[in-house]
Amino acid sequence: MSASAAMPLVVVFGIITVLLVRSRDVKAWEAVLIGLFGFYTALTPIGWAVLGVVNWVLSGFIHT
């Protein structure tokens, strides 16, 4: 996935996180932990597997 394709996903997930924090469903420290978990998961070898699954799902939606 290129950076230009990843940016909309980052924005959408960021908006969802902000809305959850504002609605008090997720506390601020929980949002930070979620972000850190995602960041550190991306640094592991499983990050490539997650990236492959996301690419596969997105290509299914884009493919006509």
C-alpha atoms as a PDB file:
ATOM      1  CA  MET A   1       0.000   0.000   0.000  1.00  0.00           C
ATOM      2  CA  SER A   2       1.431   3.347  -0.960  1.00  0.00           C
ATOM      3  CA  ALA A   3       1.524   6.340   1.334  1.00  0.00           C
ATOM      4  CA  SER A   4      -1.158   8.075  -0.730  1.00  0.00           C
ATOM      5  CA  ALA A   5      -3.498   5.109  -0.226  1.00  0.00           C
ATOM      6  CA  ALA A   6      -2.693   4.791   3.474  1.00  0.00           C
ATOM      7  CA  MET A   7      -3.378   8.424   4.370  1.00  0.00           C
ATOM      8  CA  PRO A   8      -7.190   8.207   3.993  1.00  0.00           C
ATOM      9  CA  LEU A   9      -7.221   5.157   6.273  1.00  0.00           C
ATOM     10  CA  VAL A  10      -5.117   6.956   8.850  1.00  0.00           C
ATOM     11  CA  VAL A  11      -7.460   9.945   8.732  1.00  0.00           C
ATOM     12  CA  VAL A  12     -10.589   7.779   9.069  1.00  0.00           C
ATOM     13  CA  PHE A  13      -9.161   5.792  11.983  1.00  0.00           C
ATOM     14  CA  GLY A  14      -7.997   9.021  13.618  1.00  0.00           C
ATOM     15  CA  ILE A  15     -11.464  10.565  13.334  1.00  0.00           C
ATOM     16  CA  ILE A  16     -13.069   7.426  14.760  1.00  0.00           C
ATOM     17  CA  THR A  17     -10.627   7.451  17.676  1.00  0.00           C
ATOM     18  CA  VAL A  18     -11.307  11.135  18.389  1.00  0.00           C
ATOM     19  CA  LEU A  19     -15.073  10.560  18.295  1.00  0.00           C
ATOM     20  CA  LEU A  20     -14.803   7.598  20.658  1.00  0.00           C
ATOM     21  CA  VAL A  21     -12.677   9.603  23.075  1.00  0.00           C
ATOM     22  CA  ARG A  22     -15.098  12.532  22.962  1.00  0.00           C
ATOM     23  CA  SER A  23     -18.104  10.277  23.550  1.00  0.00           C
ATOM     24  CA  ARG A  24     -16.254   8.861  26.575  1.00  0.00           C
ATOM     25  CA  ASP A  25     -16.421   5.311  25.212  1.00  0.00           C
ATOM     26  CA  VAL A  26     -12.628   5.259  25.158  1.00  0.00           C
ATOM     27  CA  LYS A  27     -10.512   7.227  27.594  1.00  0.00           C
ATOM     28  CA  ALA A  28      -7.541   9.247  26.364  1.00  0.00           C
ATOM     29  CA  TRP A  29      -4.992   6.853  27.870  1.00  0.00           C
ATOM     30  CA  GLU A  30      -6.740   3.930  26.162  1.00  0.00           C
ATOM     31  CA  ALA A  31      -6.498   5.730  22.813  1.00  0.00           C
ATOM     32  CA  VAL A  32      -2.786   6.265  23.400  1.00  0.00           C
ATOM     33  CA  LEU A  33      -2.339   2.574  24.197  1.00  0.00           C
ATOM     34  CA  ILE A  34      -4.278   1.617  21.045  1.00  0.00           C
ATOM     35  CA  GLY A  35      -2.024   3.856  18.973  1.00  0.00           C
ATOM     36  CA  LEU A  36       1.138   2.514  20.564  1.00  0.00           C
ATOM     37  CA  PHE A  37      -0.044  -1.046  20.025  1.00  0.00           C
ATOM     38  CA  GLY A  38      -0.608  -0.298  16.333  1.00  0.00           C
ATOM     39  CA  PHE A  39       2.733   1.428  16.030  1.00  0.00           C
ATOM     40  CA  TYR A  40       4.677  -1.394  17.640  1.00  0.00           C
ATOM     41  CA  THR A  41       2.718  -4.031  15.732  1.00  0.00           C
ATOM     42  CA  ALA A  42       3.761  -2.340  12.503  1.00  0.00           C
ATOM     43  CA  LEU A  43       7.406  -2.671  13.525  1.00  0.00           C
ATOM     44  CA  THR A  44       7.165  -6.455  13.928  1.00  0.00           C
ATOM     45  CA  PRO A  45       7.161  -9.042  11.141  1.00  0.00           C
ATOM     46  CA  ILE A  46       3.399  -9.430  11.607  1.00  0.00           C
ATOM     47  CA  GLY A  47       3.101  -5.827  10.401  1.00  0.00           C
ATOM     48  CA  TRP A  48       3.779  -7.065   6.876  1.00  0.00           C
ATOM     49  CA  ALA A  49       1.031  -9.681   7.245  1.00  0.00           C
ATOM     50  CA  VAL A  50      -1.432  -7.030   8.426  1.00  0.00           C
ATOM     51  CA  LEU A  51      -0.423  -4.837   5.504  1.00  0.00           C
ATOM     52  CA  GLY A  52      -0.988  -7.732   3.098  1.00  0.00           C
ATOM     53  CA  VAL A  53      -4.468  -8.413   4.498  1.00  0.00           C
ATOM     54  CA  VAL A  54      -5.417  -4.736   4.263  1.00  0.00           C
ATOM     55  CA  ASN A  55      -4.135  -4.593   0.682  1.00  0.00           C
ATOM     56  CA  TRP A  56      -6.105  -7.742  -0.181  1.00  0.00           C
ATOM     57  CA  VAL A  57      -9.335  -6.357   1.291  1.00  0.00           C
ATOM     58  CA  LEU A  58      -8.907  -2.953  -0.350  1.00  0.00           C
ATOM     59  CA  SER A  59      -8.081  -4.513  -3.715  1.00  0.00           C
ATOM     60  CA  GLY A  60     -11.313  -6.491  -3.430  1.00  0.00           C
ATOM     61  CA  PHE A  61     -13.281  -3.270  -3.012  1.00  0.00           C
ATOM     62  CA  ILE A  62     -11.421  -1.444  -5.781  1.00  0.00           C
ATOM     63  CA  HIS A  63     -11.373  -4.307  -8.290  1.00  0.00           C
ATOM     64  CA  THR A  64     -14.338  -4.240 -10.663  1.00  0.00           C
END
